[in-house]
Every structure is written in structure tokens, then in C-alpha cells.
């Protein structure tokens, strides 16, 4: 996002207002501090002292066997309204058919990725506007762990 702001003058100092939405995203108030760094070409970089934006639009659903048949509607609805992410949990382990249906629909929704997967839950996030390298790696490790766990259980039960 690039915006242009007018400089304001009070006595011998110049100041500029920060965008309200940016301040809101990072929970900045009149008591907050920001970091100002000057680049080699004179460019100023302004960042909050804590660069972790507030969590927003993250939904959590607990589904049962009846709702599993409507999982596509849940995913598409969340995508359309623009949620940052969602966590789908179940009381019983998710079966492979439901996991495959979720994965199939996630591939059809640009920007949505499965970031974390466990026996009883799947976490989906919109990755289109930010770098999420660590959560993607965690997801890959989690998937590998889940698959190895399933393999071990299959070998133990014969």
C-alpha cells in the first residue's frame, strides 16, 4: 500500500499522520511507539515496535457427521466473506474422505492453504497477502507425522 500524506508543521517540527487502518491493524494508540529507519537513499521506513498484527477474521468450527456433508459450503462461504483463516475441529478423528474433500476444495480457492492438520482438526489460512514460510513448513512436518502415525497404526493392527 502506498499513500501520500501532507506534512504538518508545529513550531520547528514537521509531522505526518499515520494511516488509521494501519494503526488499527497493529493495535497502535497515542501511547505506542514506532520504529523509523532511514534507508541509504533517504527513504524512511516506519514499522511498529511489535510487528505482529492483531488476529482478525479467524473462524473456528466444530463439525459433526451431519455437517461434514456441507463442508464445501463452509469453505466457500468463509472464502467469499474474506476470513483470514479457519479452524475446523471434530469430536472424532476426521476420516480420509472428508480430508480429501477439504483438500480438493482448498486447491480451488486461490490463497487458501492448509497450514496445520491433526487427527481432529484442520487449520486453513489465507496466505495470499503475506509470507508464511514457517507455518507452511510446520504443515509439511505435521502431514508427514500424521502419515507416519497412520502407517504405524496400520502396521500394528496388521
N, C-alpha and C. Protein backbone atom coordinates (compact mmCIF):
# COMPACT_ATOMS: atom_id res chain seq x y z
N UNK A 1 0.84 -1.17 0.00
CA UNK A 1 0.00 0.00 0.00
C UNK A 1 0.89 1.24 0.00
N UNK A 2 0.66 2.12 -0.92
CA UNK A 2 1.39 3.39 -0.98
C UNK A 2 0.37 4.51 -0.83
N UNK A 3 0.62 5.40 0.11
CA UNK A 3 -0.25 6.57 0.29
C UNK A 3 0.61 7.82 0.31
N UNK A 4 -0.01 8.92 0.00
CA UNK A 4 0.67 10.22 0.06
C UNK A 4 0.02 11.01 1.19
N UNK A 5 0.84 11.66 2.00
CA UNK A 5 0.35 12.45 3.12
C UNK A 5 0.98 13.83 3.08
N UNK A 6 0.22 14.83 3.48
CA UNK A 6 0.76 16.19 3.60
C UNK A 6 1.53 16.30 4.90
N UNK A 7 2.61 17.05 4.87
CA UNK A 7 3.36 17.33 6.09
C UNK A 7 2.67 18.46 6.84
N UNK A 8 2.67 18.36 8.14
CA UNK A 8 2.10 19.38 9.00
C UNK A 8 3.22 19.99 9.83
N UNK A 9 3.08 21.26 10.18
CA UNK A 9 4.14 21.93 10.92
C UNK A 9 3.61 22.47 12.24
N UNK A 10 4.35 22.17 13.30
CA UNK A 10 4.09 22.74 14.62
C UNK A 10 5.42 23.29 15.09
N UNK A 11 5.49 24.62 15.23
CA UNK A 11 6.73 25.33 15.58
C UNK A 11 7.83 24.96 14.60
N UNK A 12 8.90 24.32 15.08
CA UNK A 12 10.02 24.00 14.19
C UNK A 12 10.03 22.53 13.75
N UNK A 13 8.96 21.81 14.01
CA UNK A 13 8.92 20.38 13.68
C UNK A 13 7.87 20.09 12.62
N UNK A 14 8.15 19.09 11.80
CA UNK A 14 7.19 18.59 10.82
C UNK A 14 6.67 17.24 11.30
N UNK A 15 5.41 16.96 11.02
CA UNK A 15 4.87 15.65 11.37
C UNK A 15 3.90 15.20 10.29
N UNK A 16 3.58 13.91 10.30
CA UNK A 16 2.67 13.31 9.34
C UNK A 16 1.76 12.34 10.09
N UNK A 17 0.49 12.28 9.69
CA UNK A 17 -0.44 11.34 10.30
C UNK A 17 -0.24 9.96 9.67
N UNK A 18 -0.28 8.93 10.50
CA UNK A 18 -0.18 7.56 10.00
C UNK A 18 -1.57 7.08 9.59
N UNK A 19 -1.66 6.21 8.58
CA UNK A 19 -2.97 5.70 8.15
C UNK A 19 -3.71 5.01 9.30
N UNK A 20 -4.97 5.36 9.46
CA UNK A 20 -5.77 4.85 10.58
C UNK A 20 -5.88 3.33 10.54
N UNK A 21 -6.12 2.76 9.35
CA UNK A 21 -6.27 1.31 9.24
C UNK A 21 -4.99 0.58 9.63
N UNK A 22 -3.84 1.12 9.24
CA UNK A 22 -2.54 0.52 9.59
C UNK A 22 -2.36 0.54 11.11
N UNK A 23 -2.68 1.66 11.73
CA UNK A 23 -2.58 1.77 13.19
C UNK A 23 -3.52 0.78 13.87
N UNK A 24 -4.71 0.63 13.32
CA UNK A 24 -5.67 -0.32 13.87
C UNK A 24 -5.18 -1.75 13.71
N UNK A 25 -4.64 -2.08 12.54
CA UNK A 25 -4.14 -3.44 12.28
C UNK A 25 -3.06 -3.84 13.27
N UNK A 26 -2.26 -2.89 13.71
CA UNK A 26 -1.14 -3.19 14.62
C UNK A 26 -1.42 -2.72 16.05
N UNK A 27 -2.67 -2.45 16.35
CA UNK A 27 -3.09 -2.05 17.70
C UNK A 27 -2.30 -0.86 18.23
N UNK A 28 -2.03 0.12 17.39
CA UNK A 28 -1.27 1.30 17.81
C UNK A 28 -2.21 2.36 18.38
N UNK A 29 -1.78 2.97 19.47
CA UNK A 29 -2.54 4.05 20.10
C UNK A 29 -1.62 5.26 20.23
N UNK A 30 -2.14 6.32 20.83
CA UNK A 30 -1.32 7.53 21.01
C UNK A 30 -0.14 7.28 21.95
N UNK A 31 -0.19 6.22 22.74
CA UNK A 31 0.92 5.88 23.64
C UNK A 31 1.95 4.94 22.99
N UNK A 32 1.64 4.43 21.80
CA UNK A 32 2.53 3.46 21.14
C UNK A 32 3.76 4.15 20.56
N UNK A 33 4.77 3.34 20.30
CA UNK A 33 5.97 3.82 19.64
C UNK A 33 6.12 3.09 18.31
N UNK A 34 6.74 3.77 17.34
CA UNK A 34 7.06 3.16 16.06
C UNK A 34 8.56 3.29 15.83
N UNK A 35 9.09 2.39 15.01
CA UNK A 35 10.49 2.43 14.64
C UNK A 35 10.61 3.19 13.32
N UNK A 36 11.54 4.13 13.24
CA UNK A 36 11.78 4.87 12.00
C UNK A 36 13.22 4.61 11.59
N UNK A 37 13.38 4.09 10.37
CA UNK A 37 14.71 3.76 9.88
C UNK A 37 14.93 4.48 8.55
N UNK A 38 16.08 5.12 8.41
CA UNK A 38 16.39 5.82 7.18
C UNK A 38 17.21 4.92 6.27
N UNK A 39 16.76 4.78 5.03
CA UNK A 39 17.49 3.99 4.05
C UNK A 39 18.62 4.80 3.44
N UNK A 40 19.50 4.12 2.70
CA UNK A 40 20.66 4.76 2.09
C UNK A 40 20.26 5.87 1.13
N UNK A 41 19.10 5.72 0.49
CA UNK A 41 18.64 6.72 -0.48
C UNK A 41 17.78 7.80 0.15
N UNK A 42 17.68 7.82 1.48
CA UNK A 42 16.88 8.83 2.17
C UNK A 42 15.45 8.40 2.45
N UNK A 43 15.06 7.21 2.00
CA UNK A 43 13.73 6.69 2.24
C UNK A 43 13.55 6.39 3.72
N UNK A 44 12.39 6.73 4.26
CA UNK A 44 12.09 6.40 5.66
C UNK A 44 11.21 5.17 5.71
N UNK A 45 11.56 4.24 6.58
CA UNK A 45 10.77 3.04 6.81
C UNK A 45 10.18 3.13 8.21
N UNK A 46 8.87 3.05 8.31
CA UNK A 46 8.19 3.13 9.60
C UNK A 46 7.57 1.77 9.89
N UNK A 47 7.86 1.24 11.06
CA UNK A 47 7.29 -0.05 11.45
C UNK A 47 6.92 -0.01 12.92
N UNK A 48 5.89 -0.77 13.29
CA UNK A 48 5.53 -0.83 14.71
C UNK A 48 6.63 -1.54 15.49
N UNK A 49 6.78 -1.22 16.76
CA UNK A 49 7.82 -1.89 17.55
C UNK A 49 7.51 -3.37 17.68
N UNK A 50 6.25 -3.72 17.66
CA UNK A 50 5.85 -5.12 17.60
C UNK A 50 5.21 -5.32 16.24
N UNK A 51 5.84 -6.11 15.37
CA UNK A 51 5.35 -6.25 14.00
C UNK A 51 4.28 -7.32 13.86
N UNK A 52 3.75 -7.81 14.95
CA UNK A 52 2.72 -8.83 14.88
C UNK A 52 1.35 -8.16 14.79
N UNK A 53 0.68 -8.26 13.62
CA UNK A 53 -0.65 -7.64 13.53
C UNK A 53 -1.66 -8.40 14.38
N UNK A 54 -2.73 -7.69 14.73
CA UNK A 54 -3.75 -8.35 15.53
C UNK A 54 -4.45 -9.43 14.71
N UNK A 55 -4.88 -10.46 15.39
CA UNK A 55 -5.63 -11.53 14.74
C UNK A 55 -7.01 -11.00 14.37
N UNK A 56 -7.42 -11.27 13.15
CA UNK A 56 -8.76 -10.83 12.78
C UNK A 56 -9.38 -11.82 11.81
N UNK A 57 -10.67 -11.89 11.86
CA UNK A 57 -11.43 -12.72 10.95
C UNK A 57 -10.95 -14.17 10.92
N UNK A 58 -10.74 -14.77 12.08
CA UNK A 58 -10.32 -16.16 12.16
C UNK A 58 -11.47 -16.94 12.78
N UNK A 59 -12.04 -17.87 12.03
CA UNK A 59 -13.22 -18.61 12.48
C UNK A 59 -12.85 -20.00 12.99
N UNK A 60 -13.58 -20.47 13.98
CA UNK A 60 -13.41 -21.82 14.49
C UNK A 60 -14.76 -22.54 14.41
N UNK A 61 -14.74 -23.72 13.80
CA UNK A 61 -15.95 -24.52 13.66
C UNK A 61 -15.74 -25.89 14.26
N UNK A 62 -16.74 -26.38 14.96
CA UNK A 62 -16.76 -27.75 15.45
C UNK A 62 -17.82 -28.45 14.62
N UNK A 63 -17.41 -29.44 13.82
CA UNK A 63 -18.37 -30.09 12.92
C UNK A 63 -18.64 -31.52 13.39
N UNK A 64 -19.79 -32.04 12.96
CA UNK A 64 -20.13 -33.44 13.24
C UNK A 64 -20.45 -34.12 11.92
N UNK A 65 -20.91 -35.36 11.99
CA UNK A 65 -21.16 -36.14 10.77
C UNK A 65 -22.18 -35.49 9.86
N UNK A 66 -23.17 -34.80 10.42
CA UNK A 66 -24.21 -34.16 9.60
C UNK A 66 -23.61 -33.01 8.80
N UNK A 67 -22.79 -32.19 9.43
CA UNK A 67 -22.21 -31.02 8.77
C UNK A 67 -21.10 -31.40 7.80
N UNK A 68 -20.47 -32.57 7.98
CA UNK A 68 -19.40 -32.99 7.08
C UNK A 68 -19.87 -32.98 5.62
N UNK A 69 -21.16 -33.29 5.41
CA UNK A 69 -21.70 -33.29 4.05
C UNK A 69 -21.79 -31.89 3.47
N UNK A 70 -21.75 -30.86 4.31
CA UNK A 70 -21.86 -29.47 3.87
C UNK A 70 -20.53 -28.73 3.96
N UNK A 71 -19.43 -29.45 4.05
CA UNK A 71 -18.12 -28.82 4.26
C UNK A 71 -17.75 -27.86 3.13
N UNK A 72 -18.16 -28.19 1.91
CA UNK A 72 -17.87 -27.31 0.77
C UNK A 72 -18.50 -25.93 0.97
N UNK A 73 -19.75 -25.91 1.43
CA UNK A 73 -20.44 -24.64 1.67
C UNK A 73 -19.71 -23.82 2.73
N UNK A 74 -19.23 -24.48 3.76
CA UNK A 74 -18.49 -23.81 4.83
C UNK A 74 -17.21 -23.18 4.28
N UNK A 75 -16.46 -23.93 3.48
CA UNK A 75 -15.19 -23.43 2.93
C UNK A 75 -15.42 -22.27 1.96
N UNK A 76 -16.36 -22.44 1.04
CA UNK A 76 -16.62 -21.40 0.04
C UNK A 76 -17.19 -20.15 0.72
N UNK A 77 -18.07 -20.33 1.68
CA UNK A 77 -18.62 -19.19 2.41
C UNK A 77 -17.54 -18.40 3.14
N UNK A 78 -16.64 -19.11 3.81
CA UNK A 78 -15.54 -18.44 4.52
C UNK A 78 -14.64 -17.70 3.53
N UNK A 79 -14.41 -18.30 2.38
CA UNK A 79 -13.57 -17.68 1.35
C UNK A 79 -14.22 -16.40 0.81
N UNK A 80 -15.52 -16.48 0.53
CA UNK A 80 -16.24 -15.35 -0.06
C UNK A 80 -16.28 -14.15 0.90
N UNK A 81 -16.50 -14.40 2.19
CA UNK A 81 -16.57 -13.28 3.13
C UNK A 81 -15.19 -12.76 3.51
N UNK A 82 -14.13 -13.44 3.08
CA UNK A 82 -12.77 -12.92 3.27
C UNK A 82 -12.15 -13.17 4.63
N UNK A 83 -12.44 -14.32 5.23
CA UNK A 83 -11.82 -14.60 6.52
C UNK A 83 -10.32 -14.79 6.36
N UNK A 84 -9.59 -14.46 7.41
CA UNK A 84 -8.14 -14.64 7.41
C UNK A 84 -7.80 -16.13 7.48
N UNK A 85 -8.62 -16.88 8.16
CA UNK A 85 -8.40 -18.32 8.28
C UNK A 85 -9.51 -18.97 9.06
N UNK A 86 -9.49 -20.30 9.09
CA UNK A 86 -10.47 -21.01 9.87
C UNK A 86 -9.89 -22.31 10.40
N UNK A 87 -10.44 -22.74 11.52
CA UNK A 87 -10.04 -23.99 12.14
C UNK A 87 -11.27 -24.87 12.19
N UNK A 88 -11.16 -26.04 11.58
CA UNK A 88 -12.27 -26.99 11.56
C UNK A 88 -11.91 -28.12 12.51
N UNK A 89 -12.70 -28.29 13.56
CA UNK A 89 -12.44 -29.33 14.54
C UNK A 89 -13.58 -30.33 14.59
N UNK A 90 -13.27 -31.55 15.04
CA UNK A 90 -14.27 -32.60 15.18
C UNK A 90 -14.07 -33.31 16.51
N UNK A 91 -15.14 -33.94 17.00
CA UNK A 91 -15.02 -34.70 18.24
C UNK A 91 -14.36 -36.05 17.97
N UNK A 92 -14.55 -36.59 16.76
CA UNK A 92 -13.92 -37.85 16.37
C UNK A 92 -12.86 -37.55 15.30
N UNK A 93 -11.88 -38.44 15.11
CA UNK A 93 -10.88 -38.20 14.06
C UNK A 93 -11.53 -38.01 12.69
N UNK A 94 -11.00 -37.07 11.92
CA UNK A 94 -11.50 -36.82 10.56
C UNK A 94 -11.16 -38.01 9.66
N UNK A 95 -12.14 -38.50 8.92
CA UNK A 95 -11.88 -39.62 8.01
C UNK A 95 -11.19 -39.11 6.74
N UNK A 96 -10.55 -40.02 6.02
CA UNK A 96 -9.78 -39.66 4.83
C UNK A 96 -10.66 -39.03 3.75
N UNK A 97 -11.89 -39.51 3.60
CA UNK A 97 -12.79 -38.96 2.58
C UNK A 97 -13.03 -37.47 2.83
N UNK A 98 -13.30 -37.10 4.08
CA UNK A 98 -13.54 -35.69 4.42
C UNK A 98 -12.28 -34.87 4.21
N UNK A 99 -11.12 -35.40 4.61
CA UNK A 99 -9.84 -34.71 4.40
C UNK A 99 -9.59 -34.46 2.91
N UNK A 100 -9.87 -35.47 2.09
CA UNK A 100 -9.68 -35.32 0.65
C UNK A 100 -10.63 -34.28 0.06
N UNK A 101 -11.87 -34.25 0.54
CA UNK A 101 -12.83 -33.25 0.06
C UNK A 101 -12.37 -31.85 0.44
N UNK A 102 -11.88 -31.68 1.66
CA UNK A 102 -11.38 -30.37 2.09
C UNK A 102 -10.19 -29.97 1.24
N UNK A 103 -9.22 -30.88 1.06
CA UNK A 103 -8.03 -30.58 0.25
C UNK A 103 -8.40 -30.23 -1.18
N UNK A 104 -9.35 -30.97 -1.73
CA UNK A 104 -9.79 -30.71 -3.11
C UNK A 104 -10.37 -29.30 -3.24
N UNK A 105 -11.20 -28.89 -2.29
CA UNK A 105 -11.79 -27.55 -2.35
C UNK A 105 -10.77 -26.46 -2.08
N UNK A 106 -9.82 -26.71 -1.19
CA UNK A 106 -8.80 -25.71 -0.89
C UNK A 106 -7.97 -25.42 -2.14
N UNK A 107 -7.72 -26.43 -2.96
CA UNK A 107 -6.97 -26.22 -4.21
C UNK A 107 -7.74 -25.32 -5.18
N UNK A 108 -9.06 -25.27 -5.05
CA UNK A 108 -9.89 -24.44 -5.93
C UNK A 108 -10.05 -23.01 -5.43
N UNK A 109 -9.58 -22.73 -4.22
CA UNK A 109 -9.74 -21.40 -3.62
C UNK A 109 -8.38 -20.73 -3.52
N UNK A 110 -8.02 -19.89 -4.51
CA UNK A 110 -6.69 -19.27 -4.53
C UNK A 110 -6.38 -18.50 -3.25
N UNK A 111 -5.20 -18.76 -2.71
CA UNK A 111 -4.76 -18.08 -1.50
C UNK A 111 -4.99 -18.90 -0.25
N UNK A 112 -5.99 -19.78 -0.25
CA UNK A 112 -6.24 -20.63 0.92
C UNK A 112 -5.27 -21.81 0.90
N UNK A 113 -4.70 -22.10 2.05
CA UNK A 113 -3.79 -23.23 2.21
C UNK A 113 -4.10 -23.92 3.53
N UNK A 114 -3.90 -25.23 3.56
CA UNK A 114 -3.99 -25.96 4.82
C UNK A 114 -2.64 -25.78 5.51
N UNK A 115 -2.65 -25.14 6.68
CA UNK A 115 -1.41 -24.87 7.39
C UNK A 115 -1.11 -25.88 8.48
N UNK A 116 -2.14 -26.50 9.03
CA UNK A 116 -1.92 -27.44 10.11
C UNK A 116 -3.00 -28.51 10.05
N UNK A 117 -2.60 -29.74 10.32
CA UNK A 117 -3.55 -30.84 10.22
C UNK A 117 -3.26 -31.85 11.33
N UNK A 118 -4.29 -32.18 12.09
CA UNK A 118 -4.19 -33.17 13.15
C UNK A 118 -5.33 -34.15 12.99
N UNK A 119 -5.38 -35.16 13.85
CA UNK A 119 -6.45 -36.15 13.76
C UNK A 119 -7.83 -35.52 13.83
N UNK A 120 -7.99 -34.55 14.73
CA UNK A 120 -9.31 -33.98 14.98
C UNK A 120 -9.47 -32.55 14.49
N UNK A 121 -8.52 -32.02 13.73
CA UNK A 121 -8.67 -30.63 13.28
C UNK A 121 -7.83 -30.34 12.05
N UNK A 122 -8.27 -29.33 11.33
CA UNK A 122 -7.53 -28.80 10.17
C UNK A 122 -7.58 -27.28 10.29
N UNK A 123 -6.42 -26.65 10.13
CA UNK A 123 -6.34 -25.19 10.15
C UNK A 123 -6.04 -24.70 8.75
N UNK A 124 -6.87 -23.79 8.26
CA UNK A 124 -6.76 -23.24 6.91
C UNK A 124 -6.53 -21.75 7.04
N UNK A 125 -5.64 -21.19 6.21
CA UNK A 125 -5.35 -19.76 6.30
C UNK A 125 -5.23 -19.17 4.91
N UNK A 126 -5.54 -17.88 4.81
CA UNK A 126 -5.35 -17.13 3.58
C UNK A 126 -3.89 -16.69 3.55
N UNK A 127 -3.11 -17.25 2.64
CA UNK A 127 -1.68 -16.95 2.57
C UNK A 127 -1.36 -16.00 1.43
N UNK A 128 -2.36 -15.42 0.79
CA UNK A 128 -2.13 -14.63 -0.42
C UNK A 128 -1.46 -13.29 -0.17
N UNK A 129 -1.55 -12.73 1.04
CA UNK A 129 -1.03 -11.39 1.26
C UNK A 129 0.17 -11.31 2.18
N UNK A 130 0.72 -12.46 2.57
CA UNK A 130 1.86 -12.41 3.48
C UNK A 130 2.74 -13.63 3.30
N UNK A 131 3.95 -13.52 3.77
CA UNK A 131 4.87 -14.64 3.74
C UNK A 131 4.58 -15.50 4.96
N UNK A 132 4.31 -16.76 4.74
CA UNK A 132 4.02 -17.67 5.84
C UNK A 132 4.88 -18.92 5.71
N UNK A 133 6.18 -18.73 5.64
CA UNK A 133 7.09 -19.84 5.42
C UNK A 133 7.04 -20.82 6.59
N UNK A 134 7.16 -20.32 7.82
CA UNK A 134 7.18 -21.23 8.97
C UNK A 134 5.89 -22.04 9.11
N UNK A 135 4.71 -21.43 9.01
CA UNK A 135 3.50 -22.25 9.10
C UNK A 135 3.40 -23.29 7.97
N UNK A 136 3.87 -22.97 6.77
CA UNK A 136 3.83 -23.94 5.68
C UNK A 136 4.77 -25.10 5.99
N UNK A 137 5.97 -24.80 6.50
CA UNK A 137 6.89 -25.87 6.89
C UNK A 137 6.30 -26.72 8.01
N UNK A 138 5.69 -26.06 9.00
CA UNK A 138 5.05 -26.80 10.09
C UNK A 138 3.97 -27.72 9.54
N UNK A 139 3.23 -27.24 8.58
CA UNK A 139 2.17 -28.04 7.96
C UNK A 139 2.77 -29.26 7.27
N UNK A 140 3.88 -29.09 6.55
CA UNK A 140 4.52 -30.22 5.89
C UNK A 140 5.01 -31.25 6.90
N UNK A 141 5.63 -30.78 7.98
CA UNK A 141 6.09 -31.69 9.02
C UNK A 141 4.91 -32.39 9.69
N UNK A 142 3.84 -31.64 9.94
CA UNK A 142 2.66 -32.20 10.57
C UNK A 142 2.03 -33.28 9.69
N UNK A 143 1.97 -33.02 8.38
CA UNK A 143 1.42 -34.01 7.46
C UNK A 143 2.26 -35.27 7.46
N UNK A 144 3.58 -35.10 7.44
CA UNK A 144 4.48 -36.25 7.47
C UNK A 144 4.28 -37.05 8.76
N UNK A 145 4.17 -36.35 9.89
CA UNK A 145 3.96 -37.00 11.18
C UNK A 145 2.63 -37.76 11.18
N UNK A 146 1.59 -37.13 10.64
CA UNK A 146 0.28 -37.76 10.58
C UNK A 146 0.33 -39.03 9.74
N UNK A 147 0.99 -38.96 8.58
CA UNK A 147 1.09 -40.12 7.69
C UNK A 147 1.89 -41.25 8.34
N UNK A 148 2.99 -40.90 9.00
CA UNK A 148 3.79 -41.92 9.67
C UNK A 148 3.01 -42.55 10.82
N UNK A 149 2.24 -41.74 11.55
CA UNK A 149 1.40 -42.28 12.62
C UNK A 149 0.37 -43.26 12.08
N UNK A 150 -0.24 -42.92 10.96
CA UNK A 150 -1.20 -43.82 10.32
C UNK A 150 -0.55 -45.10 9.85
N UNK A 151 0.65 -44.99 9.32
CA UNK A 151 1.40 -46.16 8.87
C UNK A 151 1.72 -47.07 10.06
N UNK A 152 2.17 -46.48 11.17
CA UNK A 152 2.47 -47.27 12.37
C UNK A 152 1.23 -47.99 12.89
N UNK A 153 0.10 -47.27 12.93
CA UNK A 153 -1.14 -47.90 13.40
C UNK A 153 -1.55 -49.05 12.49
N UNK A 154 -1.39 -48.86 11.19
CA UNK A 154 -1.74 -49.91 10.23
C UNK A 154 -0.83 -51.12 10.40
N UNK A 155 0.45 -50.88 10.64
CA UNK A 155 1.39 -51.98 10.83
C UNK A 155 1.10 -52.73 12.14
N UNK A 156 0.71 -52.00 13.17
CA UNK A 156 0.42 -52.63 14.47
C UNK A 156 -0.84 -53.47 14.43
N UNK A 157 -1.85 -53.01 13.69
CA UNK A 157 -3.12 -53.74 13.63
C UNK A 157 -3.11 -54.81 12.55
N UNK A 158 -2.14 -54.76 11.66
CA UNK A 158 -1.99 -55.79 10.63
C UNK A 158 -2.83 -55.49 9.48
